[in-house]
Amino acid sequence: MTQSTLTDRFQTTIPLEVRQALNLKPRQRVSYEVRDDGSAVIRPVPRLESLFGSLKLKQPAADTRTEKQAARRAIAQEADTEGRK
């Protein structure tokens, strides 16, 4: 069993064996799940770049110009609706 020690500020170093098993990288976030029996589970929070490509779009993503035009139309439509009240 791998162990580590808590500092006075409740900080610890995750042992090398655990870092390697979880494939942790420097500055990566981890989440903790505390269970009713007093045990805790540590899980790596996926990094944003690891999620790239995980979603499949039904249509191609719009380019920046198209997004800006759609935003302008929506703002103008909302202003027109507010003006009629």
Protein backbone atom coordinates (compact mmCIF):
# COMPACT_ATOMS: atom_id res chain seq x y z
CA MET A 1 0.00 0.00 0.00
CA THR A 2 1.33 3.44 -0.95
CA GLN A 3 1.20 6.22 1.65
CA SER A 4 1.93 9.93 1.98
CA THR A 5 1.95 12.42 4.86
CA LEU A 6 -0.21 15.52 5.38
CA THR A 7 1.57 18.79 6.12
CA ASP A 8 0.38 21.29 8.74
CA ARG A 9 -1.57 22.97 5.92
CA PHE A 10 -3.26 19.64 4.99
CA GLN A 11 -1.26 19.31 1.77
CA THR A 12 0.33 16.12 0.49
CA THR A 13 2.34 14.85 -2.44
CA ILE A 14 0.61 12.23 -4.52
CA PRO A 15 3.04 9.31 -4.64
CA LEU A 16 4.72 8.50 -7.95
CA GLU A 17 3.02 5.09 -8.16
CA VAL A 18 -0.43 6.74 -7.92
CA ARG A 19 0.46 9.57 -10.35
CA GLN A 20 1.61 7.02 -12.91
CA ALA A 21 -1.42 4.77 -12.43
CA LEU A 22 -3.79 7.72 -12.93
CA ASN A 23 -1.61 9.28 -15.66
CA LEU A 24 -1.62 12.61 -13.78
CA LYS A 25 0.20 15.62 -15.17
CA PRO A 26 1.51 18.70 -13.32
CA ARG A 27 -1.24 21.23 -12.45
CA GLN A 28 -3.96 18.74 -13.44
CA ARG A 29 -7.09 18.84 -11.29
CA VAL A 30 -8.31 15.80 -9.38
CA SER A 31 -11.70 15.13 -7.83
CA TYR A 32 -12.43 13.35 -4.56
CA GLU A 33 -15.42 11.22 -3.66
CA VAL A 34 -15.85 10.59 0.06
CA ARG A 35 -17.82 7.43 0.73
CA ASP A 36 -20.07 6.60 3.68
CA ASP A 37 -17.57 4.03 4.97
CA GLY A 38 -14.90 6.75 5.40
CA SER A 39 -12.91 5.84 2.32
CA ALA A 40 -12.18 8.29 -0.47
CA VAL A 41 -11.73 7.87 -4.22
CA ILE A 42 -9.46 10.17 -6.20
CA ARG A 43 -10.08 10.63 -9.93
CA PRO A 44 -8.30 12.76 -12.51
CA VAL A 45 -10.43 15.53 -14.04
CA PRO A 46 -9.98 15.23 -17.81
CA ARG A 47 -7.94 18.01 -19.39
CA LEU A 48 -9.72 20.03 -22.05
CA GLU A 49 -7.41 18.90 -24.83
CA SER A 50 -8.17 15.25 -24.03
CA LEU A 51 -11.85 15.93 -24.76
CA PHE A 52 -11.16 17.42 -28.21
CA GLY A 53 -13.03 15.51 -30.87
CA SER A 54 -15.16 13.56 -28.40
CA LEU A 55 -18.37 15.22 -29.63
CA LYS A 56 -19.68 14.43 -33.08
CA LEU A 57 -21.58 17.30 -34.68
CA LYS A 58 -24.52 16.65 -37.01
CA GLN A 59 -23.42 19.58 -39.12
CA PRO A 60 -20.12 21.41 -39.58
CA ALA A 61 -19.32 24.06 -36.98
CA ALA A 62 -19.97 27.63 -38.12
CA ASP A 63 -17.05 29.94 -38.70
CA THR A 64 -16.53 33.10 -36.65
CA ARG A 65 -18.11 35.36 -39.28
CA THR A 66 -21.31 33.31 -39.40
CA GLU A 67 -21.51 33.25 -35.58
CA LYS A 68 -21.12 37.06 -35.39
CA GLN A 69 -23.82 37.59 -38.04
CA ALA A 70 -26.23 35.30 -36.15
CA ALA A 71 -25.51 37.16 -32.90
CA ARG A 72 -26.17 40.54 -34.57
CA ARG A 73 -29.48 39.28 -35.98
CA ALA A 74 -30.54 37.94 -32.58
CA ILE A 75 -29.64 41.23 -30.84
CA ALA A 76 -31.48 43.26 -33.47
CA GLN A 77 -34.54 41.02 -33.21
CA GLU A 78 -34.57 41.32 -29.41
CA ALA A 79 -34.23 45.12 -29.63
CA ASP A 80 -37.12 45.23 -32.13
CA THR A 81 -39.29 43.12 -29.80
CA GLU A 82 -38.43 45.37 -26.83
CA GLY A 83 -39.25 48.47 -28.92
CA ARG A 84 -42.76 47.18 -29.65
CA LYS A 85 -43.68 46.83 -25.99
